[in-house]
Amino acid sequence: MTQKLILALPKGRILDQVMPILERCDIQPEDAFFNDKDRGLRFTTNHAHLDIIRVRAFDVATFVAFGAAQLGIVGSDVIEEFRYEELFSPLSLGIGKCRLSVAMKSNDPEKKNPKSWSHINIATKYPNLTRKHFANKGIQAECIKLSGAMEIAPNLDLCRHIVDLVESGSTLKANGLEEIETILDVSSYLVVNKTASKVMQSDIDGWIERFRSALR
């Protein structure tokens, strides 16, 4: 009997971009998946040996890396933040494109002279990427971990800098912030658990190829 595979999908903005790819892969979730009032997190599909779980984008990588799911779709920002050894990303999906950027208040005089920074406080949910980026510049970054509403932090004097995902920049502008520099260009990848790819090689390889064909 074939072991059931679990595909972890991210909640939020990326999910809408994922769905056309799933359709081209002939993956049809059960009706409850599309019901906004349904509180379920695990769903069957039209494939008897494939289920879907829908979790926070940050958690997709963790579920796959620890083997709770064998496949997942996740942004390169999350892959680089955690750098799980059990995770590999065989395929770029070309969706979810944005950038991880440093931002400050538009009228902050410090933003004009970043070479003067030596020790800064930064609000972010990417402490590892943030510390690494600034350490390479010889700057000590003290990260204040937030899960959201990053843009309000400088206006409440929690910090002067933030590191967050940016698409159009309109949210930054609406909160009086300005991008200073880009840390990472971000897009979404199909990720796979390394152990599962060996134990269930035929099944995993089959799904990777199906996703690859869907992108052609």
N, C-alpha and C. Protein backbone atom coordinates (compact mmCIF):
# COMPACT_ATOMS: atom_id res chain seq x y z
N MET A 1 0.84 -1.21 0.00
CA MET A 1 0.00 0.00 0.00
C MET A 1 0.87 1.26 0.00
N THR A 2 0.59 2.18 -0.87
CA THR A 2 1.36 3.42 -0.96
C THR A 2 1.06 4.32 0.24
N GLN A 3 2.14 4.84 0.87
CA GLN A 3 1.95 5.75 2.00
C GLN A 3 1.39 7.07 1.51
N LYS A 4 0.48 7.65 2.30
CA LYS A 4 -0.13 8.91 1.89
C LYS A 4 0.87 10.05 2.02
N LEU A 5 0.92 10.88 1.00
CA LEU A 5 1.76 12.08 1.00
C LEU A 5 0.94 13.27 1.49
N ILE A 6 1.63 14.21 2.13
CA ILE A 6 0.98 15.44 2.57
C ILE A 6 1.70 16.63 1.94
N LEU A 7 0.92 17.48 1.30
CA LEU A 7 1.42 18.71 0.68
C LEU A 7 1.02 19.88 1.56
N ALA A 8 1.99 20.63 2.07
CA ALA A 8 1.73 21.79 2.93
C ALA A 8 1.65 23.06 2.08
N LEU A 9 0.54 23.77 2.21
CA LEU A 9 0.32 25.01 1.47
C LEU A 9 0.25 26.19 2.42
N PRO A 10 0.72 27.36 1.98
CA PRO A 10 0.68 28.54 2.85
C PRO A 10 -0.67 29.25 2.80
N LYS A 11 -1.14 29.67 3.96
CA LYS A 11 -2.30 30.55 4.01
C LYS A 11 -1.91 31.92 3.45
N GLY A 12 -2.91 32.74 3.16
CA GLY A 12 -2.62 34.13 2.81
C GLY A 12 -2.48 34.39 1.33
N ARG A 13 -1.71 35.43 1.02
CA ARG A 13 -1.68 35.99 -0.34
C ARG A 13 -1.15 35.02 -1.38
N ILE A 14 -0.24 34.13 -1.00
CA ILE A 14 0.37 33.24 -1.99
C ILE A 14 -0.61 32.15 -2.44
N LEU A 15 -1.55 31.80 -1.58
CA LEU A 15 -2.43 30.68 -1.89
C LEU A 15 -3.20 30.91 -3.19
N ASP A 16 -3.64 32.14 -3.43
CA ASP A 16 -4.37 32.44 -4.67
C ASP A 16 -3.50 32.19 -5.90
N GLN A 17 -2.20 32.43 -5.77
CA GLN A 17 -1.29 32.20 -6.90
C GLN A 17 -0.93 30.72 -7.04
N VAL A 18 -1.04 29.98 -5.95
CA VAL A 18 -0.74 28.55 -5.97
C VAL A 18 -1.84 27.76 -6.67
N MET A 19 -3.09 28.18 -6.50
CA MET A 19 -4.22 27.37 -6.96
C MET A 19 -4.19 27.06 -8.46
N PRO A 20 -3.86 28.01 -9.35
CA PRO A 20 -3.78 27.65 -10.78
C PRO A 20 -2.73 26.58 -11.07
N ILE A 21 -1.63 26.58 -10.30
CA ILE A 21 -0.60 25.56 -10.49
C ILE A 21 -1.14 24.20 -10.05
N LEU A 22 -1.84 24.18 -8.92
CA LEU A 22 -2.45 22.92 -8.47
C LEU A 22 -3.42 22.38 -9.52
N GLU A 23 -4.18 23.28 -10.11
CA GLU A 23 -5.15 22.86 -11.12
C GLU A 23 -4.44 22.22 -12.32
N ARG A 24 -3.32 22.81 -12.74
CA ARG A 24 -2.57 22.25 -13.86
C ARG A 24 -1.89 20.93 -13.48
N CYS A 25 -1.69 20.72 -12.18
CA CYS A 25 -1.14 19.45 -11.68
C CYS A 25 -2.24 18.41 -11.47
N ASP A 26 -3.48 18.79 -11.79
CA ASP A 26 -4.63 17.92 -11.55
C ASP A 26 -4.77 17.57 -10.06
N ILE A 27 -4.55 18.56 -9.20
CA ILE A 27 -4.79 18.41 -7.77
C ILE A 27 -6.05 19.20 -7.43
N GLN A 28 -7.10 18.49 -7.06
CA GLN A 28 -8.38 19.12 -6.73
C GLN A 28 -8.70 18.85 -5.26
N PRO A 29 -8.57 19.88 -4.40
CA PRO A 29 -8.91 19.70 -2.99
C PRO A 29 -10.41 19.45 -2.81
N GLU A 30 -10.77 18.82 -1.70
CA GLU A 30 -12.18 18.62 -1.39
C GLU A 30 -12.87 19.97 -1.20
N ASP A 31 -14.20 19.98 -1.29
CA ASP A 31 -14.97 21.22 -1.25
C ASP A 31 -14.72 22.04 0.00
N ALA A 32 -14.50 21.37 1.14
CA ALA A 32 -14.30 22.09 2.40
C ALA A 32 -13.09 23.02 2.34
N PHE A 33 -12.12 22.72 1.50
CA PHE A 33 -10.92 23.54 1.36
C PHE A 33 -11.27 24.96 0.92
N PHE A 34 -12.33 25.08 0.12
CA PHE A 34 -12.72 26.37 -0.44
C PHE A 34 -13.77 27.10 0.41
N ASN A 35 -14.17 26.49 1.50
CA ASN A 35 -15.18 27.09 2.38
C ASN A 35 -14.47 27.93 3.44
N ASP A 36 -14.64 29.26 3.35
CA ASP A 36 -13.96 30.16 4.28
C ASP A 36 -14.38 29.94 5.73
N LYS A 37 -15.54 29.35 5.94
CA LYS A 37 -16.02 29.13 7.31
C LYS A 37 -15.54 27.81 7.89
N ASP A 38 -14.96 26.97 7.05
CA ASP A 38 -14.47 25.68 7.53
C ASP A 38 -13.15 25.88 8.28
N ARG A 39 -13.07 25.33 9.48
CA ARG A 39 -11.89 25.51 10.32
C ARG A 39 -10.90 24.35 10.20
N GLY A 40 -11.17 23.44 9.30
CA GLY A 40 -10.26 22.32 9.12
C GLY A 40 -8.92 22.77 8.57
N LEU A 41 -7.90 22.00 8.86
CA LEU A 41 -6.55 22.32 8.40
C LEU A 41 -5.99 21.24 7.47
N ARG A 42 -6.62 20.07 7.48
CA ARG A 42 -6.18 18.98 6.60
C ARG A 42 -7.33 18.57 5.70
N PHE A 43 -7.00 18.41 4.40
CA PHE A 43 -8.05 18.17 3.42
C PHE A 43 -7.62 17.05 2.46
N THR A 44 -8.59 16.28 2.03
CA THR A 44 -8.32 15.26 1.02
C THR A 44 -8.30 15.92 -0.36
N THR A 45 -7.82 15.18 -1.34
CA THR A 45 -7.83 15.64 -2.73
C THR A 45 -8.41 14.53 -3.61
N ASN A 46 -8.44 14.77 -4.91
CA ASN A 46 -8.91 13.75 -5.84
C ASN A 46 -7.91 12.61 -6.02
N HIS A 47 -6.75 12.71 -5.34
CA HIS A 47 -5.76 11.64 -5.34
C HIS A 47 -5.81 10.95 -3.98
N ALA A 48 -6.10 9.67 -3.98
CA ALA A 48 -6.29 8.94 -2.72
C ALA A 48 -5.07 8.98 -1.82
N HIS A 49 -3.90 9.14 -2.41
CA HIS A 49 -2.67 9.10 -1.63
C HIS A 49 -2.05 10.49 -1.44
N LEU A 50 -2.84 11.54 -1.61
CA LEU A 50 -2.34 12.90 -1.40
C LEU A 50 -3.35 13.72 -0.61
N ASP A 51 -2.93 14.23 0.53
CA ASP A 51 -3.73 15.18 1.31
C ASP A 51 -3.03 16.54 1.31
N ILE A 52 -3.80 17.57 1.65
CA ILE A 52 -3.27 18.93 1.74
C ILE A 52 -3.45 19.43 3.17
N ILE A 53 -2.44 20.12 3.70
CA ILE A 53 -2.63 20.89 4.93
C ILE A 53 -2.42 22.36 4.59
N ARG A 54 -3.15 23.21 5.28
CA ARG A 54 -3.07 24.65 5.04
C ARG A 54 -2.62 25.31 6.34
N VAL A 55 -1.41 25.87 6.33
CA VAL A 55 -0.82 26.41 7.54
C VAL A 55 -0.17 27.77 7.24
N ARG A 56 0.32 28.43 8.28
CA ARG A 56 1.00 29.71 8.08
C ARG A 56 2.23 29.50 7.20
N ALA A 57 2.54 30.51 6.40
CA ALA A 57 3.66 30.41 5.46
C ALA A 57 4.95 30.03 6.17
N PHE A 58 5.21 30.62 7.33
CA PHE A 58 6.43 30.32 8.07
C PHE A 58 6.46 28.86 8.52
N ASP A 59 5.29 28.29 8.77
CA ASP A 59 5.23 26.92 9.31
C ASP A 59 5.34 25.85 8.24
N VAL A 60 5.13 26.20 6.97
CA VAL A 60 5.26 25.21 5.90
C VAL A 60 6.64 24.57 5.95
N ALA A 61 7.67 25.38 6.04
CA ALA A 61 9.04 24.87 6.04
C ALA A 61 9.27 23.94 7.22
N THR A 62 8.71 24.26 8.38
CA THR A 62 8.91 23.45 9.57
C THR A 62 8.20 22.11 9.44
N PHE A 63 6.96 22.11 8.95
CA PHE A 63 6.23 20.86 8.77
C PHE A 63 6.97 19.93 7.81
N VAL A 64 7.52 20.48 6.74
CA VAL A 64 8.22 19.65 5.76
C VAL A 64 9.58 19.21 6.30
N ALA A 65 10.31 20.11 6.90
CA ALA A 65 11.65 19.78 7.39
C ALA A 65 11.62 18.67 8.44
N PHE A 66 10.57 18.64 9.27
CA PHE A 66 10.48 17.65 10.33
C PHE A 66 9.66 16.43 9.93
N GLY A 67 9.28 16.35 8.65
CA GLY A 67 8.65 15.16 8.12
C GLY A 67 7.17 15.01 8.37
N ALA A 68 6.53 16.03 8.95
CA ALA A 68 5.09 15.98 9.14
C ALA A 68 4.37 16.10 7.80
N ALA A 69 4.98 16.80 6.85
CA ALA A 69 4.54 16.85 5.46
C ALA A 69 5.75 16.51 4.60
N GLN A 70 5.50 15.93 3.45
CA GLN A 70 6.62 15.53 2.59
C GLN A 70 6.93 16.56 1.52
N LEU A 71 5.92 17.34 1.14
CA LEU A 71 6.05 18.38 0.12
C LEU A 71 5.46 19.68 0.65
N GLY A 72 5.91 20.79 0.10
CA GLY A 72 5.34 22.07 0.52
C GLY A 72 5.64 23.15 -0.50
N ILE A 73 4.95 24.26 -0.35
CA ILE A 73 5.22 25.44 -1.17
C ILE A 73 5.51 26.59 -0.22
N VAL A 74 6.68 27.19 -0.38
CA VAL A 74 7.12 28.19 0.59
C VAL A 74 8.04 29.20 -0.09
N GLY A 75 8.10 30.39 0.46
CA GLY A 75 8.93 31.46 -0.09
C GLY A 75 10.40 31.27 0.24
N SER A 76 11.25 31.80 -0.63
CA SER A 76 12.69 31.71 -0.40
C SER A 76 13.12 32.48 0.84
N ASP A 77 12.29 33.46 1.27
CA ASP A 77 12.59 34.18 2.51
C ASP A 77 12.57 33.23 3.70
N VAL A 78 11.57 32.34 3.74
CA VAL A 78 11.45 31.39 4.84
C VAL A 78 12.54 30.33 4.74
N ILE A 79 12.82 29.87 3.53
CA ILE A 79 13.89 28.88 3.33
C ILE A 79 15.22 29.42 3.86
N GLU A 80 15.53 30.67 3.53
CA GLU A 80 16.80 31.26 3.94
C GLU A 80 16.82 31.62 5.42
N GLU A 81 15.66 31.96 5.98
CA GLU A 81 15.61 32.31 7.40
C GLU A 81 15.92 31.10 8.28
N PHE A 82 15.36 29.94 7.93
CA PHE A 82 15.53 28.76 8.77
C PHE A 82 16.67 27.85 8.33
N ARG A 83 16.90 27.75 7.03
CA ARG A 83 17.98 26.93 6.48
C ARG A 83 17.99 25.52 7.10
N TYR A 84 16.83 24.88 7.10
CA TYR A 84 16.72 23.52 7.61
C TYR A 84 17.52 22.56 6.74
N GLU A 85 18.33 21.70 7.36
CA GLU A 85 19.14 20.75 6.61
C GLU A 85 18.30 19.70 5.90
N GLU A 86 17.11 19.38 6.47
CA GLU A 86 16.28 18.33 5.90
C GLU A 86 15.39 18.82 4.76
N LEU A 87 15.57 20.07 4.39
CA LEU A 87 14.72 20.67 3.37
C LEU A 87 15.52 20.91 2.10
N PHE A 88 14.98 20.52 0.96
CA PHE A 88 15.60 20.97 -0.29
C PHE A 88 14.51 21.45 -1.24
N SER A 89 14.91 22.35 -2.12
CA SER A 89 13.94 23.05 -2.97
C SER A 89 14.28 22.79 -4.43
N PRO A 90 13.67 21.76 -5.03
CA PRO A 90 14.04 21.36 -6.39
C PRO A 90 13.47 22.23 -7.50
N LEU A 91 12.49 23.10 -7.15
CA LEU A 91 11.78 23.76 -8.24
C LEU A 91 11.28 25.15 -7.83
N SER A 92 11.68 26.16 -8.60
CA SER A 92 11.12 27.50 -8.43
C SER A 92 9.79 27.58 -9.16
N LEU A 93 8.78 28.12 -8.48
CA LEU A 93 7.44 28.18 -9.07
C LEU A 93 7.15 29.51 -9.77
N GLY A 94 8.02 30.48 -9.59
CA GLY A 94 7.84 31.75 -10.28
C GLY A 94 6.66 32.58 -9.79
N ILE A 95 6.22 32.32 -8.57
CA ILE A 95 5.10 33.09 -7.99
C ILE A 95 5.54 33.70 -6.66
N GLY A 96 4.68 34.54 -6.10
CA GLY A 96 4.96 35.14 -4.80
C GLY A 96 6.16 36.07 -4.82
N LYS A 97 6.39 36.72 -5.95
CA LYS A 97 7.58 37.55 -6.06
C LYS A 97 7.45 38.85 -5.27
N CYS A 98 8.45 39.11 -4.46
CA CYS A 98 8.53 40.36 -3.68
C CYS A 98 9.98 40.49 -3.23
N ARG A 99 10.24 41.32 -2.25
CA ARG A 99 11.61 41.48 -1.77
C ARG A 99 11.61 41.69 -0.25
N LEU A 100 12.68 41.25 0.37
CA LEU A 100 12.87 41.49 1.79
C LEU A 100 13.76 42.72 1.91
N SER A 101 13.23 43.76 2.53
CA SER A 101 13.93 45.05 2.50
C SER A 101 14.05 45.68 3.88
N VAL A 102 15.04 46.55 3.98
CA VAL A 102 15.21 47.41 5.15
C VAL A 102 14.47 48.71 4.88
N ALA A 103 13.73 49.20 5.88
CA ALA A 103 13.00 50.47 5.72
C ALA A 103 13.13 51.31 6.97
N MET A 104 13.01 52.62 6.75
CA MET A 104 13.03 53.58 7.85
C MET A 104 11.99 54.67 7.56
N LYS A 105 11.75 55.51 8.55
CA LYS A 105 10.87 56.67 8.33
C LYS A 105 11.49 57.57 7.27
N SER A 106 10.64 58.07 6.40
CA SER A 106 11.13 58.89 5.28
C SER A 106 11.88 60.13 5.75
N ASN A 107 11.50 60.65 6.91
CA ASN A 107 12.13 61.88 7.40
C ASN A 107 13.22 61.62 8.44
N ASP A 108 13.64 60.37 8.58
CA ASP A 108 14.68 60.05 9.56
C ASP A 108 16.04 60.48 8.99
N PRO A 109 16.75 61.39 9.67
CA PRO A 109 18.02 61.87 9.13
C PRO A 109 19.09 60.78 9.05
N GLU A 110 18.95 59.71 9.84
CA GLU A 110 19.94 58.64 9.84
C GLU A 110 20.00 57.88 8.53
N LYS A 111 18.88 57.88 7.80
CA LYS A 111 18.84 57.05 6.59
C LYS A 111 19.77 57.57 5.51
N LYS A 112 20.18 58.82 5.62
CA LYS A 112 21.05 59.40 4.60
C LYS A 112 22.51 58.98 4.78
N ASN A 113 22.84 58.43 5.95
CA ASN A 113 24.24 58.09 6.21
C ASN A 113 24.35 56.72 6.88
N PRO A 114 24.02 55.63 6.15
CA PRO A 114 24.07 54.29 6.75
C PRO A 114 25.46 53.87 7.18
N LYS A 115 26.50 54.50 6.64
CA LYS A 115 27.86 54.13 7.04
C LYS A 115 28.16 54.51 8.48
N SER A 116 27.32 55.37 9.05
CA SER A 116 27.52 55.79 10.45
C SER A 116 26.89 54.81 11.43
N TRP A 117 26.11 53.84 10.92
CA TRP A 117 25.44 52.90 11.82
C TRP A 117 26.47 51.92 12.40
N SER A 118 26.38 51.66 13.67
CA SER A 118 27.25 50.65 14.29
C SER A 118 26.42 49.65 15.11
N HIS A 119 25.39 50.14 15.76
CA HIS A 119 24.50 49.28 16.54
C HIS A 119 23.08 49.80 16.35
N ILE A 120 22.20 48.98 15.81
CA ILE A 120 20.84 49.43 15.52
C ILE A 120 19.81 48.42 16.05
N ASN A 121 18.64 48.94 16.37
CA ASN A 121 17.49 48.11 16.73
C ASN A 121 16.57 47.98 15.52
N ILE A 122 16.13 46.76 15.25
CA ILE A 122 15.31 46.51 14.07
C ILE A 122 14.12 45.62 14.44
N ALA A 123 12.94 46.01 14.01
CA ALA A 123 11.76 45.16 14.17
C ALA A 123 11.63 44.26 12.93
N THR A 124 11.47 42.97 13.14
CA THR A 124 11.40 42.04 12.02
C THR A 124 10.90 40.68 12.48
N LYS A 125 10.43 39.88 11.54
CA LYS A 125 10.19 38.47 11.85
C LYS A 125 11.25 37.59 11.17
N TYR A 126 12.31 38.24 10.71
CA TYR A 126 13.44 37.54 10.08
C TYR A 126 14.74 37.85 10.83
N PRO A 127 14.86 37.46 12.09
CA PRO A 127 16.06 37.84 12.85
C PRO A 127 17.35 37.24 12.29
N ASN A 128 17.30 36.01 11.79
CA ASN A 128 18.53 35.38 11.30
C ASN A 128 19.05 36.07 10.04
N LEU A 129 18.16 36.28 9.08
CA LEU A 129 18.57 36.97 7.85
C LEU A 129 19.02 38.40 8.15
N THR A 130 18.33 39.04 9.06
CA THR A 130 18.64 40.44 9.39
C THR A 130 20.01 40.56 10.05
N ARG A 131 20.25 39.72 11.05
CA ARG A 131 21.55 39.78 11.73
C ARG A 131 22.70 39.49 10.76
N LYS A 132 22.49 38.48 9.91
CA LYS A 132 23.54 38.10 8.95
C LYS A 132 23.81 39.24 7.98
N HIS A 133 22.75 39.87 7.48
CA HIS A 133 22.91 40.96 6.52
C HIS A 133 23.73 42.10 7.11
N PHE A 134 23.39 42.50 8.33
CA PHE A 134 24.08 43.63 8.93
C PHE A 134 25.45 43.25 9.48
N ALA A 135 25.61 42.00 9.90
CA ALA A 135 26.93 41.56 10.36
C ALA A 135 27.94 41.64 9.22
N ASN A 136 27.49 41.34 7.99
CA ASN A 136 28.37 41.44 6.83
C ASN A 136 28.79 42.88 6.55
N LYS A 137 28.06 43.82 7.12
CA LYS A 137 28.39 45.24 6.96
C LYS A 137 29.13 45.78 8.20
N GLY A 138 29.37 44.88 9.17
CA GLY A 138 30.04 45.31 10.39
C GLY A 138 29.12 46.05 11.34
N ILE A 139 27.83 45.81 11.21
CA ILE A 139 26.84 46.49 12.05
C ILE A 139 26.17 45.47 12.96
N GLN A 140 26.08 45.77 14.25
CA GLN A 140 25.39 44.90 15.20
C GLN A 140 23.90 45.21 15.18
N ALA A 141 23.09 44.22 14.84
CA ALA A 141 21.65 44.42 14.75
C ALA A 141 20.96 43.72 15.92
N GLU A 142 20.28 44.50 16.72
CA GLU A 142 19.47 43.97 17.82
C GLU A 142 18.05 43.82 17.29
N CYS A 143 17.60 42.57 17.11
CA CYS A 143 16.30 42.32 16.47
C CYS A 143 15.18 42.24 17.49
N ILE A 144 14.13 42.96 17.21
CA ILE A 144 12.90 42.91 18.00
C ILE A 144 11.91 42.08 17.19
N LYS A 145 11.58 40.89 17.68
CA LYS A 145 10.76 39.94 16.92
C LYS A 145 9.29 40.35 16.95
N LEU A 146 8.75 40.63 15.78
CA LEU A 146 7.32 40.89 15.62
C LEU A 146 6.78 39.96 14.55
N SER A 147 5.49 39.60 14.67
CA SER A 147 4.87 38.73 13.68
C SER A 147 4.13 39.49 12.60
N GLY A 148 3.85 40.76 12.85
CA GLY A 148 3.12 41.58 11.88
C GLY A 148 3.11 43.03 12.32
N ALA A 149 2.41 43.87 11.54
CA ALA A 149 2.29 45.31 11.83
C ALA A 149 3.65 45.97 12.01
N MET A 150 4.62 45.48 11.23
CA MET A 150 5.98 45.98 11.34
C MET A 150 6.07 47.48 11.08
N GLU A 151 5.23 47.96 10.15
CA GLU A 151 5.36 49.34 9.67
C GLU A 151 5.05 50.38 10.74
N ILE A 152 4.34 49.97 11.78
CA ILE A 152 3.98 50.94 12.81
C ILE A 152 5.08 51.12 13.84
N ALA A 153 6.02 50.17 13.89
CA ALA A 153 7.04 50.18 14.95
C ALA A 153 7.86 51.47 14.99
N PRO A 154 8.38 51.98 13.85
CA PRO A 154 9.15 53.22 13.92
C PRO A 154 8.32 54.42 14.36
N ASN A 155 7.04 54.43 14.00
CA ASN A 155 6.18 55.55 14.36
C ASN A 155 5.82 55.56 15.85
N LEU A 156 6.00 54.42 16.51
CA LEU A 156 5.77 54.34 17.95
C LEU A 156 7.08 54.32 18.73
N ASP A 157 8.17 54.64 18.02
CA ASP A 157 9.51 54.72 18.62
C ASP A 157 9.97 53.40 19.23
N LEU A 158 9.48 52.29 18.69
CA LEU A 158 9.98 50.99 19.13
C LEU A 158 11.38 50.76 18.56
N CYS A 159 11.60 51.30 17.37
CA CYS A 159 12.89 51.16 16.69
C CYS A 159 12.91 52.18 15.55
N ARG A 160 14.05 52.30 14.89
CA ARG A 160 14.15 53.21 13.75
C ARG A 160 14.12 52.46 12.42
N HIS A 161 14.42 51.16 12.48
CA HIS A 161 14.51 50.35 11.27
C HIS A 161 13.55 49.16 11.35
N ILE A 162 13.09 48.73 10.19
CA ILE A 162 12.37 47.47 10.11
C ILE A 162 12.93 46.67 8.93
N VAL A 163 12.75 45.35 8.99
CA VAL A 163 13.03 44.48 7.85
C VAL A 163 11.77 43.67 7.60
N ASP A 164 11.22 43.80 6.39
CA ASP A 164 9.96 43.14 6.10
C ASP A 164 9.84 42.90 4.59
N LEU A 165 8.84 42.08 4.23
CA LEU A 165 8.56 41.84 2.82
C LEU A 165 7.89 43.06 2.21
N VAL A 166 8.27 43.37 0.98
CA VAL A 166 7.71 44.51 0.26
C VAL A 166 7.32 44.06 -1.14
N GLU A 167 6.09 44.41 -1.54
CA GLU A 167 5.66 44.17 -2.93
C GLU A 167 5.68 45.49 -3.68
N SER A 168 4.64 46.28 -3.51
CA SER A 168 4.56 47.56 -4.21
C SER A 168 5.18 48.70 -3.42
N GLY A 169 5.31 48.54 -2.12
CA GLY A 169 5.81 49.63 -1.28
C GLY A 169 4.72 50.56 -0.79
N SER A 170 3.47 50.29 -1.17
CA SER A 170 2.37 51.20 -0.80
C SER A 170 2.11 51.20 0.71
N THR A 171 2.27 50.06 1.37
CA THR A 171 2.05 50.01 2.82
C THR A 171 3.12 50.80 3.55
N LEU A 172 4.36 50.69 3.08
CA LEU A 172 5.43 51.50 3.67
C LEU A 172 5.11 52.98 3.52
N LYS A 173 4.75 53.38 2.32
CA LYS A 173 4.47 54.80 2.04
C LYS A 173 3.32 55.30 2.89
N ALA A 174 2.29 54.49 3.05
CA ALA A 174 1.12 54.89 3.83
C ALA A 174 1.47 55.12 5.30
N ASN A 175 2.55 54.50 5.74
CA ASN A 175 2.98 54.65 7.13
C ASN A 175 4.22 55.52 7.27
N GLY A 176 4.52 56.28 6.23
CA GLY A 176 5.61 57.23 6.29
C GLY A 176 6.99 56.61 6.27
N LEU A 177 7.10 55.41 5.68
CA LEU A 177 8.40 54.72 5.63
C LEU A 177 8.94 54.68 4.21
N GLU A 178 10.22 54.39 4.12
CA GLU A 178 10.89 54.35 2.82
C GLU A 178 11.89 53.20 2.80
N GLU A 179 11.94 52.48 1.69
CA GLU A 179 12.93 51.41 1.54
C GLU A 179 14.33 51.99 1.47
N ILE A 180 15.25 51.35 2.20
CA ILE A 180 16.64 51.78 2.19
C ILE A 180 17.49 50.86 1.32
N GLU A 181 17.26 49.55 1.47
CA GLU A 181 18.01 48.58 0.67
C GLU A 181 17.27 47.25 0.67
N THR A 182 17.58 46.43 -0.32
CA THR A 182 16.99 45.10 -0.44
C THR A 182 17.97 44.06 0.09
N ILE A 183 17.47 43.17 0.95
CA ILE A 183 18.29 42.08 1.48
C ILE A 183 18.20 40.86 0.58
N LEU A 184 16.98 40.59 0.08
CA LEU A 184 16.76 39.35 -0.66
C LEU A 184 15.59 39.49 -1.61
N ASP A 185 15.77 39.08 -2.85
CA ASP A 185 14.64 38.96 -3.78
C ASP A 185 13.96 37.62 -3.50
N VAL A 186 12.63 37.66 -3.38
CA VAL A 186 11.89 36.50 -2.87
C VAL A 186 10.94 35.96 -3.94
N SER A 187 10.85 34.64 -4.02
CA SER A 187 9.81 33.97 -4.80
C SER A 187 9.54 32.63 -4.15
N SER A 188 8.50 31.92 -4.60
CA SER A 188 8.08 30.67 -3.96
C SER A 188 8.68 29.45 -4.64
N TYR A 189 8.92 28.42 -3.83
CA TYR A 189 9.52 27.17 -4.30
C TYR A 189 8.71 25.97 -3.84
N LEU A 190 8.80 24.91 -4.61
CA LEU A 190 8.35 23.61 -4.14
C LEU A 190 9.48 23.04 -3.29
N VAL A 191 9.17 22.65 -2.05
CA VAL A 191 10.18 22.10 -1.16
C VAL A 191 9.83 20.66 -0.80
N VAL A 192 10.85 19.89 -0.49
CA VAL A 192 10.68 18.45 -0.25
C VAL A 192 11.51 18.05 0.97
N ASN A 193 10.99 17.11 1.75
CA ASN A 193 11.74 16.53 2.86
C ASN A 193 12.76 15.54 2.29
N LYS A 194 14.02 15.70 2.66
CA LYS A 194 15.09 14.88 2.09
C LYS A 194 14.91 13.39 2.37
N THR A 195 14.56 13.06 3.61
CA THR A 195 14.38 11.66 3.96
C THR A 195 13.22 11.05 3.17
N ALA A 196 12.13 11.78 3.08
CA ALA A 196 10.97 11.28 2.32
C ALA A 196 11.33 11.07 0.86
N SER A 197 12.19 11.94 0.33
CA SER A 197 12.56 11.83 -1.09
C SER A 197 13.35 10.55 -1.37
N LYS A 198 13.96 9.97 -0.33
CA LYS A 198 14.69 8.71 -0.49
C LYS A 198 13.77 7.52 -0.24
N VAL A 199 12.97 7.61 0.84
CA VAL A 199 12.09 6.50 1.22
C VAL A 199 10.94 6.35 0.23
N MET A 200 10.45 7.48 -0.27
CA MET A 200 9.30 7.48 -1.17
C MET A 200 9.71 8.09 -2.51
N GLN A 201 10.85 7.69 -3.01
CA GLN A 201 11.47 8.36 -4.16
C GLN A 201 10.56 8.39 -5.39
N SER A 202 9.94 7.28 -5.71
CA SER A 202 9.11 7.22 -6.92
C SER A 202 7.94 8.19 -6.84
N ASP A 203 7.26 8.20 -5.69
CA ASP A 203 6.11 9.09 -5.52
C ASP A 203 6.53 10.55 -5.53
N ILE A 204 7.58 10.87 -4.77
CA ILE A 204 8.05 12.26 -4.69
C ILE A 204 8.52 12.75 -6.05
N ASP A 205 9.33 11.94 -6.73
CA ASP A 205 9.83 12.33 -8.06
C ASP A 205 8.67 12.55 -9.03
N GLY A 206 7.63 11.73 -8.89
CA GLY A 206 6.47 11.88 -9.76
C GLY A 206 5.77 13.21 -9.57
N TRP A 207 5.66 13.64 -8.31
CA TRP A 207 5.00 14.92 -8.05
C TRP A 207 5.88 16.10 -8.46
N ILE A 208 7.18 15.98 -8.26
CA ILE A 208 8.09 17.05 -8.72
C ILE A 208 7.96 17.23 -10.23
N GLU A 209 7.94 16.13 -10.96
CA GLU A 209 7.82 16.20 -12.41
C GLU A 209 6.46 16.76 -12.82
N ARG A 210 5.42 16.42 -12.05
CA ARG A 210 4.09 16.95 -12.38
C ARG A 210 4.06 18.47 -12.19
N PHE A 211 4.69 18.96 -11.12
CA PHE A 211 4.77 20.41 -10.92
C PHE A 211 5.63 21.06 -12.00
N ARG A 212 6.72 20.40 -12.36
CA ARG A 212 7.58 20.95 -13.42
C ARG A 212 6.81 21.06 -14.74
N SER A 213 6.04 20.06 -15.06
CA SER A 213 5.25 20.08 -16.30
C SER A 213 4.20 21.17 -16.25
N ALA A 214 3.64 21.41 -15.06
CA ALA A 214 2.59 22.43 -14.92
C ALA A 214 3.12 23.84 -15.17
N LEU A 215 4.42 24.02 -15.02
CA LEU A 215 5.03 25.34 -15.21
C LEU A 215 5.47 25.60 -16.63
N ARG A 216 5.46 24.56 -17.46
CA ARG A 216 5.94 24.72 -18.84
C ARG A 216 4.93 25.50 -19.67
